[in-house]
Amino acid sequence: MSSPPQQMNVAMMTSGGLAPCLSSSVAYLIEFWSAALKAGTISGLTIRMYVDGYKGVLTGDSMVLDPALYDECTCLHDLGGSPIGNSRVKLTNVKDCMARGFVKEGETPLEVAAQQLIKDGINVLHTIGGDDTNTQAAELSKYILEQHGGKVVVIGMPKTIDNDVYPIVQTFGADTAAEQGSKFFTNVVSESSANPRMLIIHEVMGRDSGYLTAATARKYRETLKSMKFVSGPGFTSSFQTRDIHAVWIPELHIDIAAEGERLKQVMDTHGCVNVFLSEGAGVEDIVAEMEKNGEEVPRDAFGHVSLAKINPGVYFSKRLATMVQAEKTLVQKSGYFARSAASNDFDRKLIKDCAEKGVESAIAGVSGCMGQDEDMEGTPIRAIEFERVKGGKPFNKDAEWFHELLKEIGQA
């Protein structure tokens, strides 16, 4: 005998950095919860939005979505960014939460967050974020169950343009970000015609994984191969001048001396060098040099090295510019441009499938992070157990298409 329909008090939050999926994730979750209500699968529905991620949970900053707006939220698919705001907050970092005024002296963020969810009567929490966001949500759910005897079903929606979350095959926003990064460089590369012996460093987001850099390079070269050029005398813009001459990612050791020698030949031949650099490439070397010099390594609330402050693009551009005898060097970062876009068709399909299964899982009372499980090849999208979800998954540098790309640009 099936259980009678139940009242669902649903909450949503987006957290961490932006990715081209946040608005569509919110839109699809609203769509499928609304559909469940209309179908009589649930008896009632309240959708609460916590503003600015875990900050909103800790401070009680939220709003209940007017049911009259459910259908109107389809317009969110056309927007980048988050419609309800993001923040970087780690619930287990008590010191940081106190310093930012989210909790008071003697309070713990987990307890404050738990009390807020209990006060708001939440029984389903949708966390749209990366591995940190989703694993913290699982800890919060566990805490509420163990300390307060309550239950909150947590449904994670895995967004990260790095595509670096175990054991998820593809995270939301990564494909769109690669596509947008390709469009960004399609314009930037034209700067090579503005100055003789130009070195362009295209710095792409990716702390531990080179996926986005590699995927962006792949999409860019697909576009480049479809372009036509004039080959007559005097025309300096060609396939070769607009091609990628190096792809540097965290998973590959950068032999700067050998690469400098190889790329010097490219510069001498074509008058320019274009490098795709993952922001996490060579960071260990940079950190080691800073520590050797007695410099403090800047880190964020999660303990991650602050890449924006150590600036890998500038670090490598200075060294490479001398080696290839560049007359001008340009470092361009596509990260904010790429991560702020609206979802493309590929990501919208993935988000839609995960949102639909996520609502079904929530109604069934099963927590997990939605996605295709790479450890269960061939299985459909499912709620992956949170204890198996973690970040830091490296890009598969042995992928056949990546080897072919390196071979084509002369790096293999």
Protein backbone atom coordinates (compact mmCIF):
# COMPACT_ATOMS: atom_id res chain seq x y z
CA MET A 1 0.00 0.00 0.00
CA SER A 2 1.54 3.33 -1.08
CA SER A 3 1.91 6.24 1.32
CA PRO A 4 -0.52 9.15 0.99
CA PRO A 5 0.74 12.36 -0.68
CA GLN A 6 2.70 14.57 1.67
CA GLN A 7 3.27 18.29 2.21
CA MET A 8 6.75 19.21 1.00
CA ASN A 9 8.65 22.16 2.43
CA VAL A 10 11.48 22.57 -0.05
CA ALA A 11 14.49 24.86 0.20
CA MET A 12 17.07 25.77 -2.43
CA MET A 13 20.45 27.47 -2.31
CA THR A 14 23.34 28.05 -4.67
CA SER A 15 26.87 28.23 -3.36
CA GLY A 16 30.51 28.64 -4.33
CA GLY A 17 31.68 30.25 -7.53
CA LEU A 18 29.40 30.80 -10.49
CA ALA A 19 28.86 28.22 -13.21
CA PRO A 20 26.63 28.26 -16.31
CA CYS A 21 23.96 26.14 -14.70
CA LEU A 22 22.72 27.84 -11.54
CA SER A 23 19.74 29.64 -13.04
CA SER A 24 18.64 26.61 -15.07
CA SER A 25 18.97 24.36 -12.02
CA VAL A 26 16.66 26.60 -10.01
CA ALA A 27 14.23 26.83 -12.94
CA TYR A 28 14.05 23.08 -13.52
CA LEU A 29 13.67 22.24 -9.83
CA ILE A 30 10.76 24.66 -9.56
CA GLU A 31 9.24 23.16 -12.73
CA PHE A 32 9.39 19.56 -11.49
CA TRP A 33 8.18 20.36 -7.97
CA SER A 34 5.29 22.29 -9.47
CA ALA A 35 4.53 19.35 -11.76
CA ALA A 36 4.51 16.98 -8.77
CA LEU A 37 2.00 19.22 -7.02
CA LYS A 38 -0.24 19.45 -10.10
CA ALA A 39 -0.11 15.67 -10.54
CA GLY A 40 -1.16 15.07 -6.93
CA THR A 41 2.10 13.27 -6.12
CA ILE A 42 2.44 15.64 -3.17
CA SER A 43 -0.38 17.27 -1.21
CA GLY A 44 1.19 20.68 -0.75
CA LEU A 45 4.32 22.64 -1.63
CA THR A 46 6.34 25.50 -0.21
CA ILE A 47 9.53 26.56 -1.94
CA ARG A 48 11.93 28.67 0.10
CA MET A 49 15.04 30.31 -1.36
CA TYR A 50 18.01 30.94 0.92
CA VAL A 51 19.80 34.08 -0.27
CA ASP A 52 23.55 33.89 -0.91
CA GLY A 53 23.97 30.19 -0.15
CA TYR A 54 25.02 29.09 3.33
CA LYS A 55 25.25 32.73 4.37
CA GLY A 56 21.48 32.92 4.00
CA VAL A 57 20.99 29.70 5.96
CA LEU A 58 23.14 31.00 8.82
CA THR A 59 21.58 34.46 8.94
CA GLY A 60 17.99 33.40 8.16
CA ASP A 61 17.93 35.47 4.99
CA SER A 62 15.37 33.74 2.77
CA MET A 63 12.12 34.20 0.90
CA VAL A 64 9.21 31.93 0.06
CA LEU A 65 8.46 31.79 -3.64
CA ASP A 66 4.95 32.89 -4.57
CA PRO A 67 3.21 29.94 -6.35
CA ALA A 68 1.94 32.44 -8.91
CA LEU A 69 5.56 32.80 -10.05
CA TYR A 70 6.30 29.08 -10.58
CA ASP A 71 5.57 29.15 -14.32
CA GLU A 72 7.25 32.52 -14.78
CA CYS A 73 10.58 31.09 -13.57
CA THR A 74 11.20 29.45 -16.95
CA CYS A 75 12.78 32.77 -17.98
CA LEU A 76 15.72 31.91 -15.72
CA HIS A 77 17.05 29.57 -18.42
CA ASP A 78 18.14 32.62 -20.41
CA LEU A 79 20.19 34.05 -17.55
CA GLY A 80 23.71 33.43 -16.34
CA GLY A 81 24.77 33.74 -12.71
CA SER A 82 22.57 32.82 -9.78
CA PRO A 83 19.04 34.18 -9.36
CA ILE A 84 19.29 33.81 -5.57
CA GLY A 85 22.93 34.76 -4.92
CA ASN A 86 26.09 32.87 -4.02
CA SER A 87 28.73 32.99 -1.30
CA ARG A 88 31.73 30.96 -0.22
CA VAL A 89 31.02 29.76 3.31
CA LYS A 90 32.32 26.62 5.00
CA LEU A 91 30.14 25.48 7.90
CA THR A 92 33.02 23.68 9.61
CA ASN A 93 35.23 26.79 9.55
CA VAL A 94 33.98 28.33 12.80
CA LYS A 95 36.65 31.03 12.89
CA ASP A 96 35.81 32.33 9.41
CA CYS A 97 32.04 32.28 10.07
CA MET A 98 32.55 34.26 13.30
CA ALA A 99 34.86 36.77 11.61
CA ARG A 100 32.25 37.41 8.94
CA GLY A 101 29.47 37.86 11.50
CA PHE A 102 27.45 34.79 10.51
CA VAL A 103 27.61 33.23 14.00
CA LYS A 104 28.24 34.60 17.47
CA GLU A 105 30.86 33.70 20.04
CA GLY A 106 30.18 30.22 21.42
CA GLU A 107 27.95 29.20 18.49
CA THR A 108 28.79 26.57 15.90
CA PRO A 109 27.75 27.10 12.28
CA LEU A 110 26.31 23.59 12.03
CA GLU A 111 24.03 24.18 15.00
CA VAL A 112 22.95 27.63 13.78
CA ALA A 113 22.19 26.26 10.31
CA ALA A 114 20.35 23.28 11.76
CA GLN A 115 18.18 25.49 13.94
CA GLN A 116 17.30 27.65 10.96
CA LEU A 117 16.21 24.69 8.82
CA ILE A 118 14.19 23.31 11.73
CA LYS A 119 12.58 26.71 12.35
CA ASP A 120 11.65 26.97 8.66
CA GLY A 121 10.25 23.42 8.69
CA ILE A 122 12.46 22.31 5.80
CA ASN A 123 12.29 18.63 4.87
CA VAL A 124 14.07 18.84 1.50
CA LEU A 125 17.18 20.91 0.81
CA HIS A 126 18.50 21.35 -2.73
CA THR A 127 22.15 22.38 -2.72
CA ILE A 128 23.37 23.61 -6.09
CA GLY A 129 27.14 23.73 -5.84
CA GLY A 130 30.42 21.87 -6.05
CA ASP A 131 31.81 19.10 -3.87
CA ASP A 132 32.32 21.36 -0.82
CA THR A 133 28.74 22.63 -1.00
CA ASN A 134 27.22 19.19 -1.29
CA THR A 135 29.36 17.38 1.27
CA GLN A 136 28.65 20.15 3.79
CA ALA A 137 24.94 19.73 3.14
CA ALA A 138 25.27 16.03 3.86
CA GLU A 139 27.06 16.84 7.14
CA LEU A 140 24.28 19.27 8.04
CA SER A 141 21.60 16.67 7.33
CA LYS A 142 23.47 14.11 9.44
CA TYR A 143 23.86 16.63 12.25
CA ILE A 144 20.13 17.41 12.31
CA LEU A 145 19.28 13.71 12.43
CA GLU A 146 21.80 12.87 15.17
CA GLN A 147 21.46 15.98 17.32
CA HIS A 148 17.80 16.90 16.85
CA GLY A 149 16.10 13.71 15.67
CA GLY A 150 14.86 15.38 12.53
CA LYS A 151 15.35 14.48 8.91
CA VAL A 152 16.20 16.68 5.97
CA VAL A 153 16.53 15.01 2.59
CA VAL A 154 19.45 16.62 0.77
CA ILE A 155 19.54 16.59 -3.02
CA GLY A 156 22.80 17.88 -4.45
CA MET A 157 23.03 19.39 -7.92
CA PRO A 158 26.72 19.14 -8.91
CA LYS A 159 27.90 22.36 -10.53
CA THR A 160 31.51 23.03 -11.33
CA ILE A 161 33.15 24.10 -14.55
CA ASP A 162 36.21 22.05 -13.57
CA ASN A 163 34.32 18.74 -13.96
CA ASP A 164 36.43 17.42 -11.09
CA VAL A 165 33.97 15.70 -8.74
CA TYR A 166 34.21 11.99 -7.90
CA PRO A 167 32.36 9.83 -8.99
CA ILE A 168 30.29 12.05 -11.30
CA VAL A 169 30.79 11.63 -15.04
CA GLN A 170 29.87 15.22 -16.00
CA THR A 171 29.19 18.19 -13.75
CA PHE A 172 26.82 21.02 -14.66
CA GLY A 173 28.24 24.01 -16.52
CA ALA A 174 31.56 22.52 -17.62
CA ASP A 175 30.58 22.05 -21.25
CA THR A 176 29.09 25.54 -21.50
CA ALA A 177 32.17 27.10 -19.90
CA ALA A 178 34.42 25.36 -22.44
CA GLU A 179 32.24 26.63 -25.27
CA GLN A 180 32.29 30.18 -23.90
CA GLY A 181 36.05 30.07 -23.31
CA SER A 182 36.48 29.09 -26.94
CA LYS A 183 34.41 32.09 -28.05
CA PHE A 184 36.48 34.34 -25.78
CA PHE A 185 39.76 33.24 -27.34
CA THR A 186 38.38 33.45 -30.87
CA ASN A 187 38.42 37.23 -30.38
CA VAL A 188 41.47 37.55 -28.14
CA VAL A 189 43.74 35.67 -30.57
CA SER A 190 43.30 38.49 -33.07
CA GLU A 191 45.60 40.54 -30.81
CA SER A 192 48.49 38.54 -32.28
CA SER A 193 48.11 40.72 -35.37
CA ALA A 194 48.54 43.91 -33.34
CA ASN A 195 52.23 43.45 -32.60
CA PRO A 196 55.19 41.45 -33.99
CA ARG A 197 56.41 38.56 -31.81
CA MET A 198 53.32 38.49 -29.60
CA LEU A 199 52.95 36.01 -26.73
CA ILE A 200 49.35 35.39 -25.65
CA ILE A 201 48.62 33.42 -22.48
CA HIS A 202 44.99 32.32 -22.27
CA GLU A 203 44.50 31.47 -18.60
CA VAL A 204 41.55 29.13 -18.03
CA MET A 205 39.98 28.22 -14.69
CA GLY A 206 40.89 24.84 -13.20
CA ARG A 207 42.63 24.47 -9.84
CA ASP A 208 43.31 20.72 -9.74
CA SER A 209 41.84 19.57 -13.03
CA GLY A 210 42.88 20.48 -16.56
CA TYR A 211 39.51 19.40 -17.97
CA LEU A 212 38.24 22.90 -18.74
CA THR A 213 41.50 24.01 -20.35
CA ALA A 214 41.63 20.89 -22.50
CA ALA A 215 37.94 21.02 -23.41
CA THR A 216 38.17 24.73 -24.25
CA ALA A 217 41.18 24.07 -26.47
CA ARG A 218 39.32 21.25 -28.19
CA LYS A 219 36.25 23.39 -28.91
CA TYR A 220 38.38 26.31 -30.06
CA ARG A 221 40.32 24.17 -32.55
CA GLU A 222 37.08 22.73 -33.89
CA THR A 223 35.98 26.29 -34.65
CA LEU A 224 39.39 27.21 -36.08
CA LYS A 225 39.34 24.26 -38.47
CA SER A 226 36.07 25.55 -39.96
CA MET A 227 37.53 28.98 -40.72
CA LYS A 228 39.00 30.09 -44.06
CA PHE A 229 42.10 32.27 -44.58
CA VAL A 230 43.69 34.13 -47.47
CA SER A 231 47.05 32.57 -48.30
CA GLY A 232 48.39 35.27 -50.62
CA PRO A 233 51.56 37.36 -50.03
CA GLY A 234 51.30 39.98 -47.31
CA PHE A 235 48.56 38.27 -45.33
CA THR A 236 49.91 37.37 -41.89
CA SER A 237 46.71 36.04 -40.34
CA SER A 238 46.58 32.28 -40.85
CA PHE A 239 45.51 29.03 -39.27
CA GLN A 240 48.99 28.75 -37.76
CA THR A 241 49.01 32.23 -36.20
CA ARG A 242 45.59 31.61 -34.63
CA ASP A 243 46.30 28.05 -33.55
CA ILE A 244 47.12 26.90 -30.01
CA HIS A 245 50.83 26.20 -29.60
CA ALA A 246 50.80 24.79 -26.05
CA VAL A 247 48.28 23.43 -23.55
CA TRP A 248 49.55 23.40 -19.98
CA ILE A 249 47.43 21.64 -17.34
CA PRO A 250 48.01 20.46 -13.73
CA GLU A 251 48.18 16.81 -14.81
CA LEU A 252 51.22 17.40 -17.02
CA HIS A 253 54.63 18.49 -15.79
CA ILE A 254 55.72 21.74 -17.40
CA ASP A 255 59.35 21.55 -18.50
CA ILE A 256 59.63 25.29 -18.97
CA ALA A 257 63.13 25.08 -20.48
CA ALA A 258 62.13 22.50 -23.11
CA GLU A 259 58.86 24.27 -23.86
CA GLY A 260 60.67 27.59 -24.14
CA GLU A 261 63.02 26.13 -26.73
CA ARG A 262 60.16 24.56 -28.72
CA LEU A 263 58.00 27.66 -28.62
CA LYS A 264 60.93 29.90 -29.61
CA GLN A 265 60.90 28.05 -32.95
CA VAL A 266 57.15 28.69 -33.25
CA MET A 267 57.71 32.38 -32.56
CA ASP A 268 60.51 32.60 -35.13
CA THR A 269 58.33 30.87 -37.74
CA HIS A 270 54.91 32.44 -37.18
CA GLY A 271 55.63 35.63 -35.24
CA CYS A 272 53.39 34.68 -32.31
CA VAL A 273 52.86 32.06 -29.60
CA ASN A 274 49.47 31.17 -28.09
CA VAL A 275 49.37 29.19 -24.84
CA PHE A 276 46.33 27.75 -23.08
CA LEU A 277 47.21 27.66 -19.38
CA SER A 278 45.14 26.04 -16.66
CA GLU A 279 45.27 28.32 -13.60
CA GLY A 280 46.32 25.35 -11.46
CA ALA A 281 49.19 24.30 -13.72
CA GLY A 282 52.57 24.55 -12.01
CA VAL A 283 51.07 25.93 -8.79
CA GLU A 284 53.17 23.56 -6.68
CA ASP A 285 56.32 25.05 -8.20
CA ILE A 286 55.08 28.59 -7.57
CA VAL A 287 54.17 27.81 -3.95
CA ALA A 288 57.51 26.08 -3.36
CA GLU A 289 59.33 29.14 -4.69
CA MET A 290 57.27 31.48 -2.49
CA GLU A 291 57.90 29.37 0.63
CA LYS A 292 61.61 29.16 -0.20
CA ASN A 293 61.69 32.96 -0.34
CA GLY A 294 59.87 33.20 2.99
CA GLU A 295 56.72 34.62 1.41
CA GLU A 296 53.28 33.88 2.89
CA VAL A 297 51.10 31.80 0.58
CA PRO A 298 47.59 33.34 0.46
CA ARG A 299 44.74 30.88 1.07
CA ASP A 300 40.92 31.08 1.19
CA ALA A 301 38.43 29.86 3.84
CA PHE A 302 38.65 26.33 2.43
CA GLY A 303 42.44 26.24 2.71
CA HIS A 304 42.90 26.47 -1.05
CA VAL A 305 45.77 28.52 -2.44
CA SER A 306 44.37 31.84 -3.66
CA LEU A 307 45.14 31.55 -7.36
CA ALA A 308 44.03 35.10 -8.07
CA LYS A 309 46.71 36.38 -5.70
CA ILE A 310 49.63 34.21 -6.82
CA ASN A 311 48.65 34.79 -10.48
CA PRO A 312 50.04 31.78 -12.42
CA GLY A 313 49.45 33.51 -15.77
CA VAL A 314 51.77 36.37 -14.92
CA TYR A 315 54.30 34.00 -13.35
CA PHE A 316 54.66 31.87 -16.48
CA SER A 317 54.33 34.74 -18.94
CA LYS A 318 57.38 36.49 -17.50
CA ARG A 319 59.52 33.39 -17.83
CA LEU A 320 58.28 32.35 -21.25
CA ALA A 321 58.43 35.84 -22.74
CA THR A 322 62.18 35.97 -22.21
CA MET A 323 62.68 32.48 -23.65
CA VAL A 324 60.76 33.12 -26.87
CA GLN A 325 61.98 36.73 -27.15
CA ALA A 326 58.48 38.17 -27.21
CA GLU A 327 58.16 41.88 -27.95
CA LYS A 328 54.78 42.03 -26.23
CA THR A 329 52.99 39.70 -23.83
CA LEU A 330 49.25 39.53 -23.19
CA VAL A 331 47.67 37.50 -20.37
CA GLN A 332 43.92 37.09 -20.77
CA LYS A 333 41.63 35.22 -18.37
CA SER A 334 38.38 33.80 -19.71
CA GLY A 335 37.14 32.47 -16.38
CA TYR A 336 34.61 35.13 -15.40
CA PHE A 337 33.37 35.44 -18.96
CA ALA A 338 32.88 31.67 -19.28
CA ARG A 339 31.41 30.89 -15.89
CA SER A 340 28.82 33.69 -16.07
CA ALA A 341 27.03 32.42 -19.19
CA ALA A 342 23.61 30.83 -19.37
CA SER A 343 23.57 27.05 -19.89
CA ASN A 344 23.99 25.70 -23.41
CA ASP A 345 21.76 22.94 -24.81
CA PHE A 346 24.03 20.14 -23.57
CA ASP A 347 24.04 21.40 -19.99
CA ARG A 348 20.33 22.22 -19.99
CA LYS A 349 19.54 18.61 -20.96
CA LEU A 350 21.82 17.29 -18.20
CA ILE A 351 20.37 19.67 -15.61
CA LYS A 352 16.81 18.84 -16.62
CA ASP A 353 17.39 15.09 -16.28
CA CYS A 354 19.08 15.49 -12.89
CA ALA A 355 16.40 17.87 -11.58
CA GLU A 356 13.61 15.49 -12.61
CA LYS A 357 15.29 12.52 -10.93
CA GLY A 358 16.24 14.71 -7.99
CA VAL A 359 12.65 15.65 -7.22
CA GLU A 360 11.62 12.00 -7.52
CA SER A 361 14.42 11.03 -5.12
CA ALA A 362 13.44 13.74 -2.65
CA ILE A 363 9.81 12.57 -2.58
CA ALA A 364 11.07 9.02 -2.01
CA GLY A 365 13.20 10.27 0.91
CA VAL A 366 16.56 9.37 -0.64
CA SER A 367 19.43 11.85 -0.29
CA GLY A 368 22.32 12.08 -2.70
CA CYS A 369 24.13 14.10 -5.33
CA MET A 370 22.49 13.74 -8.71
CA GLY A 371 24.49 12.57 -11.72
CA GLN A 372 25.78 9.69 -13.76
CA ASP A 373 27.89 7.42 -11.57
CA GLU A 374 31.21 6.65 -13.27
CA ASP A 375 31.64 3.62 -11.01
CA MET A 376 28.39 2.16 -12.32
CA GLU A 377 28.91 2.46 -16.06
CA GLY A 378 25.74 2.34 -18.08
CA THR A 379 23.43 3.18 -15.18
CA PRO A 380 21.04 6.13 -15.49
CA ILE A 381 21.23 9.31 -13.41
CA ARG A 382 20.86 8.52 -9.74
CA ALA A 383 21.26 9.99 -6.25
CA ILE A 384 24.93 9.21 -5.60
CA GLU A 385 25.76 8.61 -1.95
CA PHE A 386 27.33 11.71 -0.41
CA GLU A 387 30.09 9.76 1.32
CA ARG A 388 31.39 8.90 -2.16
CA VAL A 389 31.31 12.50 -3.38
CA LYS A 390 34.56 14.43 -3.22
CA GLY A 391 36.51 16.92 -5.28
CA GLY A 392 39.95 16.84 -6.80
CA LYS A 393 39.23 14.40 -9.62
CA PRO A 394 41.96 14.90 -12.22
CA PHE A 395 41.37 15.23 -15.92
CA ASN A 396 42.14 12.04 -17.84
CA LYS A 397 45.28 13.22 -19.61
CA ASP A 398 45.42 9.86 -21.41
CA ALA A 399 42.15 10.49 -23.25
CA GLU A 400 42.62 9.71 -26.91
CA TRP A 401 41.24 13.04 -28.11
CA PHE A 402 43.61 14.96 -25.84
CA HIS A 403 46.63 13.03 -27.06
CA GLU A 404 45.59 13.77 -30.62
CA LEU A 405 45.24 17.47 -29.79
CA LEU A 406 48.75 17.63 -28.29
CA LYS A 407 50.13 15.78 -31.28
CA GLU A 408 48.53 18.21 -33.72
CA ILE A 409 49.99 21.27 -31.96
CA GLY A 410 53.45 19.70 -31.67
CA GLN A 411 53.48 19.28 -27.90
CA ALA A 412 53.23 15.49 -27.74
